[in-house]
């Protein structure tokens, strides 16, 4: 796998006849695996951008406060309460984005290390539908209900 060939590219080159267990076909075709790798990288880029934006907003607000510019400071207690609630919501969203980013990184590792098993429910071993993986490419389990 030297020279920069990804596991997904190797699986694609070997063809869809590969099996992850003897006699059990791969849950996803090589084309689908390549598509999911692309989707994971897309989502990773999107989330990193959102986190950078959040950090940039926080940084610009902190530099304004350090400069002594109080023009954006609320004077009314209700405004202060709204600002605190917004900051807590933004921090919660940033935490969620960080967790999603960790899931995506873990999925990229799973895809590279065991592409033949990617797309299998980690609890039941059943195939995860491609439509679900296309929406949430880092999904580890099926939705039941």
N, C-alpha and C. Protein backbone atom coordinates (compact mmCIF):
# COMPACT_ATOMS: atom_id res chain seq x y z
N UNK A 1 0.82 -1.18 0.00
CA UNK A 1 0.00 0.00 0.00
C UNK A 1 0.87 1.25 0.00
N UNK A 2 2.16 1.09 -0.30
CA UNK A 2 2.99 2.26 -0.45
C UNK A 2 2.55 3.06 -1.65
N UNK A 3 3.18 4.14 -1.88
CA UNK A 3 2.89 5.01 -3.00
C UNK A 3 1.51 5.64 -2.92
N UNK A 4 0.89 5.71 -1.74
CA UNK A 4 -0.33 6.47 -1.55
C UNK A 4 -1.61 5.81 -2.03
N UNK A 5 -1.64 4.50 -2.22
CA UNK A 5 -2.88 3.84 -2.64
C UNK A 5 -3.73 3.59 -1.41
N UNK A 6 -4.97 4.10 -1.43
CA UNK A 6 -5.84 3.91 -0.27
C UNK A 6 -6.41 2.50 -0.29
N UNK A 7 -6.91 2.05 0.85
CA UNK A 7 -7.55 0.74 0.95
C UNK A 7 -8.75 0.66 0.04
N UNK A 8 -9.49 1.76 -0.05
CA UNK A 8 -10.68 1.78 -0.91
C UNK A 8 -10.26 1.60 -2.36
N UNK A 9 -9.18 2.24 -2.78
CA UNK A 9 -8.70 2.09 -4.15
C UNK A 9 -8.27 0.66 -4.41
N UNK A 10 -7.64 0.02 -3.44
CA UNK A 10 -7.23 -1.36 -3.59
C UNK A 10 -8.44 -2.27 -3.73
N UNK A 11 -9.45 -2.06 -2.89
CA UNK A 11 -10.68 -2.86 -2.99
C UNK A 11 -11.31 -2.66 -4.35
N UNK A 12 -11.36 -1.42 -4.82
CA UNK A 12 -11.93 -1.12 -6.13
C UNK A 12 -11.16 -1.85 -7.21
N UNK A 13 -9.85 -1.86 -7.13
CA UNK A 13 -9.02 -2.51 -8.14
C UNK A 13 -9.23 -4.03 -8.13
N UNK A 14 -9.45 -4.60 -6.98
CA UNK A 14 -9.63 -6.04 -6.90
C UNK A 14 -11.01 -6.49 -7.35
N UNK A 15 -11.97 -5.58 -7.30
CA UNK A 15 -13.28 -5.92 -7.82
C UNK A 15 -14.26 -6.34 -6.75
N UNK A 16 -15.51 -6.47 -7.17
CA UNK A 16 -16.59 -6.73 -6.23
C UNK A 16 -16.69 -8.18 -5.80
N UNK A 17 -15.86 -9.07 -6.34
CA UNK A 17 -15.93 -10.48 -5.96
C UNK A 17 -15.32 -10.75 -4.60
N UNK A 18 -14.68 -9.75 -4.00
CA UNK A 18 -14.09 -9.94 -2.67
C UNK A 18 -15.17 -10.24 -1.64
N UNK A 19 -14.80 -10.96 -0.63
CA UNK A 19 -15.73 -11.24 0.47
C UNK A 19 -15.07 -10.86 1.77
N UNK A 20 -15.91 -10.49 2.73
CA UNK A 20 -15.34 -10.15 4.03
C UNK A 20 -15.27 -11.39 4.92
N UNK A 21 -16.12 -12.36 4.69
CA UNK A 21 -16.03 -13.69 5.30
C UNK A 21 -16.26 -14.70 4.18
N UNK A 22 -15.68 -15.87 4.27
CA UNK A 22 -15.88 -16.85 3.20
C UNK A 22 -17.37 -17.07 2.92
N UNK A 23 -17.75 -16.89 1.66
CA UNK A 23 -19.12 -17.13 1.24
C UNK A 23 -20.08 -15.99 1.52
N UNK A 24 -19.63 -14.93 2.19
CA UNK A 24 -20.50 -13.80 2.50
C UNK A 24 -20.04 -12.61 1.66
N UNK A 25 -20.90 -12.09 0.78
CA UNK A 25 -20.46 -10.98 -0.07
C UNK A 25 -20.26 -9.70 0.73
N UNK A 26 -19.44 -8.81 0.17
CA UNK A 26 -19.22 -7.51 0.79
C UNK A 26 -20.54 -6.76 0.84
N UNK A 27 -20.79 -6.00 1.91
CA UNK A 27 -22.04 -5.25 1.99
C UNK A 27 -22.09 -4.09 1.00
N UNK A 28 -20.95 -3.59 0.57
CA UNK A 28 -20.90 -2.43 -0.32
C UNK A 28 -19.98 -2.71 -1.50
N UNK A 29 -20.35 -2.18 -2.65
CA UNK A 29 -19.51 -2.34 -3.83
C UNK A 29 -18.30 -1.42 -3.72
N UNK A 30 -17.27 -1.69 -4.49
CA UNK A 30 -16.11 -0.79 -4.49
C UNK A 30 -16.49 0.66 -4.85
N UNK A 31 -17.41 0.82 -5.78
CA UNK A 31 -17.86 2.17 -6.15
C UNK A 31 -18.54 2.86 -4.95
N UNK A 32 -19.36 2.11 -4.22
CA UNK A 32 -20.02 2.68 -3.04
C UNK A 32 -19.01 3.05 -1.96
N UNK A 33 -18.00 2.21 -1.77
CA UNK A 33 -16.96 2.51 -0.79
C UNK A 33 -16.21 3.80 -1.15
N UNK A 34 -15.90 3.95 -2.42
CA UNK A 34 -15.23 5.18 -2.87
C UNK A 34 -16.12 6.38 -2.64
N UNK A 35 -17.40 6.23 -2.95
CA UNK A 35 -18.35 7.32 -2.74
C UNK A 35 -18.43 7.70 -1.25
N UNK A 36 -18.48 6.70 -0.37
CA UNK A 36 -18.57 6.97 1.06
C UNK A 36 -17.29 7.62 1.60
N UNK A 37 -16.14 7.21 1.07
CA UNK A 37 -14.90 7.86 1.48
C UNK A 37 -14.96 9.35 1.11
N UNK A 38 -15.46 9.64 -0.09
CA UNK A 38 -15.61 11.03 -0.52
C UNK A 38 -16.58 11.78 0.39
N UNK A 39 -17.71 11.15 0.72
CA UNK A 39 -18.71 11.78 1.60
C UNK A 39 -18.12 12.06 2.99
N UNK A 40 -17.34 11.12 3.52
CA UNK A 40 -16.70 11.32 4.83
C UNK A 40 -15.75 12.51 4.78
N UNK A 41 -14.97 12.59 3.73
CA UNK A 41 -14.03 13.71 3.61
C UNK A 41 -14.78 15.04 3.43
N UNK A 42 -15.89 15.01 2.69
CA UNK A 42 -16.74 16.21 2.53
C UNK A 42 -17.26 16.68 3.89
N UNK A 43 -17.83 15.75 4.64
CA UNK A 43 -18.39 16.09 5.96
C UNK A 43 -17.30 16.59 6.90
N UNK A 44 -16.13 15.99 6.81
CA UNK A 44 -15.02 16.40 7.67
C UNK A 44 -14.63 17.84 7.36
N UNK A 45 -14.53 18.17 6.08
CA UNK A 45 -14.19 19.54 5.67
C UNK A 45 -15.25 20.54 6.13
N UNK A 46 -16.52 20.15 5.99
CA UNK A 46 -17.63 21.03 6.39
C UNK A 46 -17.57 21.30 7.90
N UNK A 47 -17.39 20.25 8.69
CA UNK A 47 -17.35 20.42 10.14
C UNK A 47 -16.12 21.22 10.59
N UNK A 48 -14.98 20.98 9.97
CA UNK A 48 -13.79 21.76 10.32
C UNK A 48 -14.02 23.24 10.02
N UNK A 49 -14.69 23.54 8.92
CA UNK A 49 -15.02 24.93 8.59
C UNK A 49 -15.92 25.55 9.64
N UNK A 50 -16.92 24.80 10.08
CA UNK A 50 -17.82 25.32 11.11
C UNK A 50 -17.08 25.57 12.42
N UNK A 51 -16.19 24.67 12.78
CA UNK A 51 -15.42 24.86 14.01
C UNK A 51 -14.46 26.05 13.88
N UNK A 52 -13.84 26.21 12.71
CA UNK A 52 -12.97 27.37 12.50
C UNK A 52 -13.76 28.66 12.61
N UNK A 53 -14.97 28.67 12.02
CA UNK A 53 -15.82 29.86 12.11
C UNK A 53 -16.16 30.16 13.57
N UNK A 54 -16.50 29.13 14.33
CA UNK A 54 -16.83 29.32 15.74
C UNK A 54 -15.64 29.87 16.51
N UNK A 55 -14.47 29.29 16.28
CA UNK A 55 -13.26 29.76 16.97
C UNK A 55 -12.94 31.19 16.55
N UNK A 56 -13.11 31.51 15.28
CA UNK A 56 -12.86 32.86 14.78
C UNK A 56 -13.79 33.87 15.41
N UNK A 57 -15.07 33.51 15.56
CA UNK A 57 -16.03 34.41 16.20
C UNK A 57 -15.65 34.63 17.66
N UNK A 58 -15.31 33.56 18.34
CA UNK A 58 -14.91 33.67 19.74
C UNK A 58 -13.67 34.54 19.87
N UNK A 59 -12.71 34.35 18.98
CA UNK A 59 -11.47 35.10 19.03
C UNK A 59 -11.71 36.59 18.79
N UNK A 60 -12.56 36.92 17.83
CA UNK A 60 -12.81 38.34 17.54
C UNK A 60 -13.57 38.99 18.70
N UNK A 61 -14.47 38.24 19.35
CA UNK A 61 -15.19 38.79 20.51
C UNK A 61 -14.22 39.02 21.67
N UNK A 62 -13.28 38.08 21.86
CA UNK A 62 -12.31 38.24 22.95
C UNK A 62 -11.38 39.41 22.69
N UNK A 63 -10.96 39.60 21.42
CA UNK A 63 -10.05 40.71 21.14
C UNK A 63 -10.77 42.04 21.32
N UNK A 64 -12.07 42.08 21.04
CA UNK A 64 -12.84 43.30 21.26
C UNK A 64 -12.90 43.62 22.75
N UNK A 65 -13.12 42.60 23.55
CA UNK A 65 -13.19 42.82 25.00
C UNK A 65 -11.84 43.25 25.55
N UNK A 66 -10.76 42.64 25.06
CA UNK A 66 -9.43 43.00 25.53
C UNK A 66 -9.07 44.43 25.16
N UNK A 67 -9.60 44.91 24.04
CA UNK A 67 -9.32 46.28 23.61
C UNK A 67 -10.12 47.30 24.42
N UNK A 68 -11.04 46.82 25.24
CA UNK A 68 -11.84 47.72 26.05
C UNK A 68 -13.05 48.28 25.33
N UNK A 69 -13.36 47.72 24.17
CA UNK A 69 -14.51 48.19 23.40
C UNK A 69 -15.77 47.58 24.01
N UNK A 70 -16.55 48.38 24.66
CA UNK A 70 -17.75 47.91 25.34
C UNK A 70 -19.01 48.16 24.52
N UNK A 71 -18.87 48.60 23.29
CA UNK A 71 -20.05 48.97 22.50
C UNK A 71 -20.97 47.80 22.23
N UNK A 72 -20.45 46.58 22.23
CA UNK A 72 -21.30 45.42 22.00
C UNK A 72 -21.72 44.75 23.30
N UNK A 73 -21.36 45.32 24.42
CA UNK A 73 -21.76 44.76 25.71
C UNK A 73 -23.20 45.17 25.99
N UNK A 74 -24.03 44.22 26.39
CA UNK A 74 -25.41 44.56 26.69
C UNK A 74 -25.51 45.38 27.98
N UNK A 75 -26.41 46.33 27.97
CA UNK A 75 -26.62 47.16 29.16
C UNK A 75 -27.83 46.68 29.96
N UNK A 76 -28.71 45.98 29.31
CA UNK A 76 -29.92 45.50 29.97
C UNK A 76 -29.72 44.05 30.40
N UNK A 77 -30.19 43.68 31.61
CA UNK A 77 -30.02 42.30 32.09
C UNK A 77 -30.63 41.26 31.15
N UNK A 78 -31.73 41.58 30.49
CA UNK A 78 -32.34 40.63 29.55
C UNK A 78 -31.42 40.36 28.37
N UNK A 79 -30.74 41.41 27.89
CA UNK A 79 -29.78 41.24 26.79
C UNK A 79 -28.61 40.37 27.23
N UNK A 80 -28.15 40.57 28.45
CA UNK A 80 -27.06 39.78 28.98
C UNK A 80 -27.47 38.31 29.07
N UNK A 81 -28.70 38.06 29.53
CA UNK A 81 -29.21 36.69 29.61
C UNK A 81 -29.29 36.04 28.24
N UNK A 82 -29.72 36.80 27.24
CA UNK A 82 -29.79 36.27 25.88
C UNK A 82 -28.40 35.93 25.36
N UNK A 83 -27.44 36.82 25.65
CA UNK A 83 -26.07 36.58 25.20
C UNK A 83 -25.50 35.31 25.84
N UNK A 84 -25.74 35.12 27.11
CA UNK A 84 -25.24 33.93 27.81
C UNK A 84 -25.89 32.68 27.22
N UNK A 85 -27.19 32.73 26.97
CA UNK A 85 -27.89 31.58 26.40
C UNK A 85 -27.34 31.26 25.01
N UNK A 86 -27.07 32.29 24.21
CA UNK A 86 -26.52 32.08 22.87
C UNK A 86 -25.12 31.47 22.94
N UNK A 87 -24.31 31.96 23.86
CA UNK A 87 -22.96 31.41 24.02
C UNK A 87 -23.01 29.95 24.43
N UNK A 88 -23.93 29.59 25.32
CA UNK A 88 -24.06 28.20 25.74
C UNK A 88 -24.52 27.32 24.59
N UNK A 89 -25.45 27.82 23.79
CA UNK A 89 -25.92 27.08 22.63
C UNK A 89 -24.79 26.88 21.62
N UNK A 90 -24.03 27.93 21.34
CA UNK A 90 -22.91 27.83 20.41
C UNK A 90 -21.85 26.85 20.92
N UNK A 91 -21.59 26.87 22.21
CA UNK A 91 -20.62 25.94 22.78
C UNK A 91 -21.12 24.50 22.66
N UNK A 92 -22.42 24.31 22.86
CA UNK A 92 -23.01 22.98 22.73
C UNK A 92 -22.91 22.48 21.28
N UNK A 93 -23.18 23.36 20.33
CA UNK A 93 -23.09 23.00 18.92
C UNK A 93 -21.63 22.67 18.57
N UNK A 94 -20.69 23.45 19.07
CA UNK A 94 -19.27 23.18 18.80
C UNK A 94 -18.86 21.83 19.38
N UNK A 95 -19.36 21.50 20.56
CA UNK A 95 -19.07 20.20 21.17
C UNK A 95 -19.62 19.07 20.32
N UNK A 96 -20.84 19.25 19.83
CA UNK A 96 -21.45 18.23 18.96
C UNK A 96 -20.67 18.08 17.67
N UNK A 97 -20.24 19.18 17.08
CA UNK A 97 -19.45 19.13 15.84
C UNK A 97 -18.13 18.40 16.09
N UNK A 98 -17.51 18.65 17.23
CA UNK A 98 -16.25 17.96 17.57
C UNK A 98 -16.48 16.45 17.69
N UNK A 99 -17.59 16.06 18.30
CA UNK A 99 -17.91 14.64 18.43
C UNK A 99 -18.17 14.01 17.06
N UNK A 100 -18.87 14.73 16.17
CA UNK A 100 -19.10 14.23 14.81
C UNK A 100 -17.77 14.07 14.08
N UNK A 101 -16.88 15.02 14.26
CA UNK A 101 -15.58 14.97 13.63
C UNK A 101 -14.81 13.73 14.09
N UNK A 102 -14.88 13.41 15.37
CA UNK A 102 -14.23 12.21 15.90
C UNK A 102 -14.84 10.96 15.28
N UNK A 103 -16.17 10.94 15.11
CA UNK A 103 -16.84 9.79 14.47
C UNK A 103 -16.39 9.64 13.02
N UNK A 104 -16.26 10.75 12.32
CA UNK A 104 -15.82 10.71 10.92
C UNK A 104 -14.39 10.19 10.83
N UNK A 105 -13.52 10.68 11.70
CA UNK A 105 -12.14 10.20 11.70
C UNK A 105 -12.08 8.69 11.99
N UNK A 106 -12.90 8.23 12.92
CA UNK A 106 -12.95 6.80 13.23
C UNK A 106 -13.47 6.01 12.02
N UNK A 107 -14.46 6.56 11.32
CA UNK A 107 -15.01 5.88 10.14
C UNK A 107 -13.97 5.81 9.02
N UNK A 108 -13.19 6.87 8.84
CA UNK A 108 -12.13 6.85 7.83
C UNK A 108 -11.09 5.79 8.16
N UNK A 109 -10.79 5.63 9.44
CA UNK A 109 -9.84 4.60 9.86
C UNK A 109 -10.42 3.21 9.60
N UNK A 110 -11.71 3.01 9.96
CA UNK A 110 -12.36 1.72 9.69
C UNK A 110 -12.38 1.42 8.20
N UNK A 111 -12.68 2.42 7.41
CA UNK A 111 -12.76 2.25 5.96
C UNK A 111 -11.39 1.88 5.39
N UNK A 112 -10.34 2.48 5.90
CA UNK A 112 -8.99 2.18 5.41
C UNK A 112 -8.49 0.83 5.89
N UNK A 113 -8.82 0.47 7.13
CA UNK A 113 -8.26 -0.76 7.69
C UNK A 113 -9.08 -2.01 7.35
N UNK A 114 -10.40 -1.88 7.28
CA UNK A 114 -11.25 -3.05 6.96
C UNK A 114 -12.37 -2.64 6.01
N UNK A 115 -12.05 -2.28 4.78
CA UNK A 115 -13.09 -1.83 3.86
C UNK A 115 -14.13 -2.91 3.56
N UNK A 116 -13.71 -4.17 3.66
CA UNK A 116 -14.65 -5.26 3.37
C UNK A 116 -15.75 -5.38 4.42
N UNK A 117 -15.53 -4.82 5.61
CA UNK A 117 -16.53 -4.89 6.68
C UNK A 117 -17.27 -3.57 6.88
N UNK A 118 -16.84 -2.53 6.17
CA UNK A 118 -17.49 -1.22 6.31
C UNK A 118 -18.92 -1.33 5.81
N UNK A 119 -19.86 -0.75 6.56
CA UNK A 119 -21.27 -0.82 6.18
C UNK A 119 -22.02 -1.96 6.86
N UNK A 120 -21.36 -2.62 7.79
CA UNK A 120 -22.01 -3.65 8.60
C UNK A 120 -22.34 -3.05 9.96
N UNK A 121 -23.54 -3.37 10.46
CA UNK A 121 -23.96 -2.94 11.78
C UNK A 121 -23.02 -3.55 12.81
N UNK A 122 -22.44 -2.73 13.67
CA UNK A 122 -21.48 -3.23 14.65
C UNK A 122 -22.11 -4.08 15.75
N UNK A 123 -23.43 -3.97 15.92
CA UNK A 123 -24.10 -4.76 16.96
C UNK A 123 -24.69 -6.05 16.42
N UNK A 124 -25.24 -6.01 15.20
CA UNK A 124 -25.93 -7.18 14.67
C UNK A 124 -25.20 -7.85 13.52
N UNK A 125 -24.30 -7.15 12.85
CA UNK A 125 -23.62 -7.69 11.69
C UNK A 125 -24.42 -7.57 10.40
N UNK A 126 -25.63 -7.03 10.50
CA UNK A 126 -26.47 -6.85 9.30
C UNK A 126 -25.95 -5.68 8.46
N UNK A 127 -26.29 -5.72 7.18
CA UNK A 127 -25.90 -4.61 6.30
C UNK A 127 -26.62 -3.34 6.69
N UNK A 128 -25.90 -2.22 6.68
CA UNK A 128 -26.51 -0.91 6.85
C UNK A 128 -26.88 -0.44 5.45
N UNK A 129 -28.12 -0.04 5.22
CA UNK A 129 -28.51 0.38 3.88
C UNK A 129 -27.63 1.53 3.37
N UNK A 130 -27.29 1.45 2.08
CA UNK A 130 -26.45 2.48 1.48
C UNK A 130 -27.08 3.86 1.62
N UNK A 131 -28.39 3.95 1.51
CA UNK A 131 -29.07 5.25 1.63
C UNK A 131 -28.78 5.87 3.00
N UNK A 132 -28.76 5.07 4.05
CA UNK A 132 -28.43 5.58 5.40
C UNK A 132 -26.98 6.03 5.45
N UNK A 133 -26.08 5.21 4.89
CA UNK A 133 -24.67 5.55 4.90
C UNK A 133 -24.39 6.80 4.07
N UNK A 134 -25.16 6.99 3.00
CA UNK A 134 -24.96 8.19 2.19
C UNK A 134 -25.33 9.44 2.97
N UNK A 135 -26.36 9.35 3.81
CA UNK A 135 -26.77 10.48 4.65
C UNK A 135 -25.84 10.67 5.85
N UNK A 136 -25.50 9.56 6.49
CA UNK A 136 -24.64 9.58 7.68
C UNK A 136 -23.51 8.59 7.41
N UNK A 137 -22.48 9.01 6.68
CA UNK A 137 -21.46 8.04 6.25
C UNK A 137 -20.65 7.41 7.38
N UNK A 138 -20.75 7.96 8.58
CA UNK A 138 -20.02 7.38 9.71
C UNK A 138 -20.92 6.50 10.58
N UNK A 139 -22.13 6.19 10.10
CA UNK A 139 -23.07 5.37 10.87
C UNK A 139 -22.43 4.01 11.20
N UNK A 140 -22.59 3.60 12.46
CA UNK A 140 -22.05 2.32 12.90
C UNK A 140 -23.14 1.25 13.04
N UNK A 141 -24.38 1.73 13.11
CA UNK A 141 -25.49 0.80 13.33
C UNK A 141 -26.67 1.16 12.42
N UNK A 142 -27.56 0.18 12.30
CA UNK A 142 -28.81 0.35 11.58
C UNK A 142 -29.82 1.05 12.47
N UNK A 143 -30.82 1.61 11.86
CA UNK A 143 -31.93 2.18 12.63
C UNK A 143 -33.00 1.12 12.68
N UNK A 144 -33.46 0.82 13.89
CA UNK A 144 -34.54 -0.15 14.04
C UNK A 144 -35.71 0.56 14.67
N UNK A 145 -36.87 0.08 14.38
CA UNK A 145 -37.98 0.73 15.05
C UNK A 145 -39.19 0.61 14.28
